[in-house]
Amino acid sequence: PVIIGGSGPVRMVPMWLRTAREYLESNFLRSLSLAEVSTVAGVHRVHLSREFRRHFSITVGEFLRRKRVEHACHLVSKTNEPLADVAMTCGFSDQSHFSATFRRQVGLTPGRFRQMAQAR
């Protein structure tokens, strides 16, 4: 069993919730619906949403966006792939949504992040 520590009570993460998280981690680059993830976990989507946030302190959508931006950071810094292509590869519907999400999480635009990464 996985134990979540930090502040507050120590809670065991149910197996179905670990299954859902592992599914998200394995499939974050494709378009996912809450219904699909809840079916894999074997629970109702509302229950999945509530328990995911309660155990991991993040919503399912925020978790997916974080994983996608982490992957985008790698691609932006290690490749010369056009940013529009990076956006599509990482599951964003368009480059402007990608850039806004990237900037919110990283604090830099993808272009500036690439410049700084390549300067090192």
C-alpha atoms as a PDB file:
ATOM      1  CA  PRO A   1       0.000   0.000   0.000  1.00  0.00           C
ATOM      2  CA  VAL A   2       1.081   3.543  -0.722  1.00  0.00           C
ATOM      3  CA  ILE A   3       1.040   5.964   2.187  1.00  0.00           C
ATOM      4  CA  ILE A   4       0.657   9.681   1.582  1.00  0.00           C
ATOM      5  CA  GLY A   5       2.401  11.752   4.237  1.00  0.00           C
ATOM      6  CA  GLY A   6       3.002  15.459   4.517  1.00  0.00           C
ATOM      7  CA  SER A   7       0.554  17.579   6.431  1.00  0.00           C
ATOM      8  CA  GLY A   8      -2.652  16.079   7.685  1.00  0.00           C
ATOM      9  CA  PRO A   9      -3.566  12.479   8.329  1.00  0.00           C
ATOM     10  CA  VAL A  10      -1.714   9.625   6.684  1.00  0.00           C
ATOM     11  CA  ARG A  11      -4.004   7.935   4.152  1.00  0.00           C
ATOM     12  CA  MET A  12      -3.742   4.741   2.193  1.00  0.00           C
ATOM     13  CA  VAL A  13      -4.300   5.195  -1.538  1.00  0.00           C
ATOM     14  CA  PRO A  14      -6.898   2.660  -2.725  1.00  0.00           C
ATOM     15  CA  MET A  15      -5.783   0.236  -5.423  1.00  0.00           C
ATOM     16  CA  TRP A  16      -8.374   1.556  -7.915  1.00  0.00           C
ATOM     17  CA  LEU A  17      -7.002   5.084  -7.454  1.00  0.00           C
ATOM     18  CA  ARG A  18      -3.432   3.909  -8.033  1.00  0.00           C
ATOM     19  CA  THR A  19      -4.692   2.153 -11.176  1.00  0.00           C
ATOM     20  CA  ALA A  20      -6.286   5.403 -12.366  1.00  0.00           C
ATOM     21  CA  ARG A  21      -3.114   7.404 -11.711  1.00  0.00           C
ATOM     22  CA  GLU A  22      -0.903   4.842 -13.452  1.00  0.00           C
ATOM     23  CA  TYR A  23      -3.283   4.899 -16.424  1.00  0.00           C
ATOM     24  CA  LEU A  24      -3.024   8.707 -16.558  1.00  0.00           C
ATOM     25  CA  GLU A  25       0.782   8.526 -16.339  1.00  0.00           C
ATOM     26  CA  SER A  26       0.938   5.979 -19.168  1.00  0.00           C
ATOM     27  CA  ASN A  27      -1.544   7.718 -21.462  1.00  0.00           C
ATOM     28  CA  PHE A  28      -1.121  11.449 -20.776  1.00  0.00           C
ATOM     29  CA  LEU A  29      -0.073  12.216 -24.358  1.00  0.00           C
ATOM     30  CA  ARG A  30      -3.399  11.138 -25.823  1.00  0.00           C
ATOM     31  CA  SER A  31      -6.818  12.660 -25.448  1.00  0.00           C
ATOM     32  CA  LEU A  32      -8.377  11.199 -22.308  1.00  0.00           C
ATOM     33  CA  SER A  33     -11.862  11.569 -20.871  1.00  0.00           C
ATOM     34  CA  LEU A  34     -12.750  11.264 -17.217  1.00  0.00           C
ATOM     35  CA  ALA A  35     -15.276   8.591 -18.258  1.00  0.00           C
ATOM     36  CA  GLU A  36     -12.489   6.503 -19.826  1.00  0.00           C
ATOM     37  CA  VAL A  37     -10.221   6.771 -16.777  1.00  0.00           C
ATOM     38  CA  SER A  38     -13.087   6.004 -14.383  1.00  0.00           C
ATOM     39  CA  THR A  39     -14.008   2.928 -16.445  1.00  0.00           C
ATOM     40  CA  VAL A  40     -10.416   1.667 -16.205  1.00  0.00           C
ATOM     41  CA  ALA A  41     -10.476   2.283 -12.434  1.00  0.00           C
ATOM     42  CA  GLY A  42     -13.911   0.697 -12.066  1.00  0.00           C
ATOM     43  CA  VAL A  43     -15.543   3.653 -10.276  1.00  0.00           C
ATOM     44  CA  HIS A  44     -17.926   6.483 -11.128  1.00  0.00           C
ATOM     45  CA  ARG A  45     -16.242   9.566 -12.645  1.00  0.00           C
ATOM     46  CA  VAL A  46     -17.515  11.874  -9.872  1.00  0.00           C
ATOM     47  CA  HIS A  47     -16.055   9.535  -7.235  1.00  0.00           C
ATOM     48  CA  LEU A  48     -12.766   9.384  -9.163  1.00  0.00           C
ATOM     49  CA  SER A  49     -12.586  13.187  -9.371  1.00  0.00           C
ATOM     50  CA  ARG A  50     -13.327  13.691  -5.687  1.00  0.00           C
ATOM     51  CA  GLU A  51     -10.954  11.006  -4.389  1.00  0.00           C
ATOM     52  CA  PHE A  52      -8.134  11.892  -6.800  1.00  0.00           C
ATOM     53  CA  ARG A  53      -8.163  15.463  -5.549  1.00  0.00           C
ATOM     54  CA  ARG A  54      -8.488  14.378  -1.907  1.00  0.00           C
ATOM     55  CA  HIS A  55      -5.518  11.991  -2.090  1.00  0.00           C
ATOM     56  CA  PHE A  56      -3.193  13.840  -4.464  1.00  0.00           C
ATOM     57  CA  SER A  57      -4.175  17.506  -3.816  1.00  0.00           C
ATOM     58  CA  ILE A  58      -4.592  18.097  -7.548  1.00  0.00           C
ATOM     59  CA  THR A  59      -7.450  17.585  -9.994  1.00  0.00           C
ATOM     60  CA  VAL A  60      -7.260  14.975 -12.741  1.00  0.00           C
ATOM     61  CA  GLY A  61      -7.112  17.772 -15.350  1.00  0.00           C
ATOM     62  CA  GLU A  62      -4.331  19.621 -13.529  1.00  0.00           C
ATOM     63  CA  PHE A  63      -2.400  16.350 -13.191  1.00  0.00           C
ATOM     64  CA  LEU A  64      -2.668  15.740 -16.945  1.00  0.00           C
ATOM     65  CA  ARG A  65      -1.617  19.298 -17.801  1.00  0.00           C
ATOM     66  CA  ARG A  66       1.366  19.033 -15.446  1.00  0.00           C
ATOM     67  CA  LYS A  67       2.498  15.753 -17.047  1.00  0.00           C
ATOM     68  CA  ARG A  68       2.083  17.237 -20.528  1.00  0.00           C
ATOM     69  CA  VAL A  69       4.072  20.369 -19.672  1.00  0.00           C
ATOM     70  CA  GLU A  70       6.845  18.256 -18.085  1.00  0.00           C
ATOM     71  CA  HIS A  71       7.106  16.308 -21.336  1.00  0.00           C
ATOM     72  CA  ALA A  72       6.965  19.549 -23.329  1.00  0.00           C
ATOM     73  CA  CYS A  73       9.884  20.957 -21.279  1.00  0.00           C
ATOM     74  CA  HIS A  74      11.949  17.964 -22.343  1.00  0.00           C
ATOM     75  CA  LEU A  75      11.003  18.314 -26.028  1.00  0.00           C
ATOM     76  CA  VAL A  76      11.435  22.099 -26.089  1.00  0.00           C
ATOM     77  CA  SER A  77      14.880  21.931 -24.499  1.00  0.00           C
ATOM     78  CA  LYS A  78      16.258  18.831 -26.281  1.00  0.00           C
ATOM     79  CA  THR A  79      14.836  19.154 -29.817  1.00  0.00           C
ATOM     80  CA  ASN A  80      14.366  21.808 -32.476  1.00  0.00           C
ATOM     81  CA  GLU A  81      10.838  20.596 -33.171  1.00  0.00           C
ATOM     82  CA  PRO A  82       8.544  23.565 -33.959  1.00  0.00           C
ATOM     83  CA  LEU A  83       6.563  24.670 -30.897  1.00  0.00           C
ATOM     84  CA  ALA A  84       3.267  24.025 -32.714  1.00  0.00           C
ATOM     85  CA  ASP A  85       4.362  20.400 -33.200  1.00  0.00           C
ATOM     86  CA  VAL A  86       5.428  20.118 -29.546  1.00  0.00           C
ATOM     87  CA  ALA A  87       1.978  21.411 -28.570  1.00  0.00           C
ATOM     88  CA  MET A  88       0.224  18.735 -30.666  1.00  0.00           C
ATOM     89  CA  THR A  89       2.597  15.958 -29.522  1.00  0.00           C
ATOM     90  CA  CYS A  90       1.911  16.850 -25.882  1.00  0.00           C
ATOM     91  CA  GLY A  91      -1.864  16.716 -26.261  1.00  0.00           C
ATOM     92  CA  PHE A  92      -2.710  20.413 -26.515  1.00  0.00           C
ATOM     93  CA  SER A  93      -5.415  21.427 -28.985  1.00  0.00           C
ATOM     94  CA  ASP A  94      -3.489  24.456 -30.241  1.00  0.00           C
ATOM     95  CA  GLN A  95      -0.264  26.377 -29.722  1.00  0.00           C
ATOM     96  CA  SER A  96      -1.834  29.320 -27.883  1.00  0.00           C
ATOM     97  CA  HIS A  97      -3.399  27.049 -25.242  1.00  0.00           C
ATOM     98  CA  PHE A  98      -0.066  25.230 -24.967  1.00  0.00           C
ATOM     99  CA  SER A  99       1.899  28.477 -24.578  1.00  0.00           C
ATOM    100  CA  ALA A 100      -0.473  29.881 -21.950  1.00  0.00           C
ATOM    101  CA  THR A 101      -0.451  26.642 -19.928  1.00  0.00           C
ATOM    102  CA  PHE A 102       3.324  26.300 -20.261  1.00  0.00           C
ATOM    103  CA  ARG A 103       3.885  29.882 -19.112  1.00  0.00           C
ATOM    104  CA  ARG A 104       1.511  29.473 -16.152  1.00  0.00           C
ATOM    105  CA  GLN A 105       3.356  26.362 -14.937  1.00  0.00           C
ATOM    106  CA  VAL A 106       6.955  27.140 -15.864  1.00  0.00           C
ATOM    107  CA  GLY A 107       7.000  30.928 -15.621  1.00  0.00           C
ATOM    108  CA  LEU A 108       8.444  31.347 -19.125  1.00  0.00           C
ATOM    109  CA  THR A 109       7.084  31.060 -22.637  1.00  0.00           C
ATOM    110  CA  PRO A 110       8.124  27.885 -24.493  1.00  0.00           C
ATOM    111  CA  GLY A 111      10.269  29.981 -26.845  1.00  0.00           C
ATOM    112  CA  ARG A 112      12.115  31.691 -23.987  1.00  0.00           C
ATOM    113  CA  PHE A 113      12.511  28.348 -22.199  1.00  0.00           C
ATOM    114  CA  ARG A 114      14.112  26.914 -25.370  1.00  0.00           C
ATOM    115  CA  GLN A 115      16.474  29.907 -25.714  1.00  0.00           C
ATOM    116  CA  MET A 116      17.621  29.537 -22.125  1.00  0.00           C
ATOM    117  CA  ALA A 117      18.006  25.752 -22.383  1.00  0.00           C
ATOM    118  CA  GLN A 118      20.061  26.020 -25.577  1.00  0.00           C
ATOM    119  CA  ALA A 119      22.237  28.781 -24.106  1.00  0.00           C
ATOM    120  CA  ARG A 120      23.454  26.358 -21.415  1.00  0.00           C
END
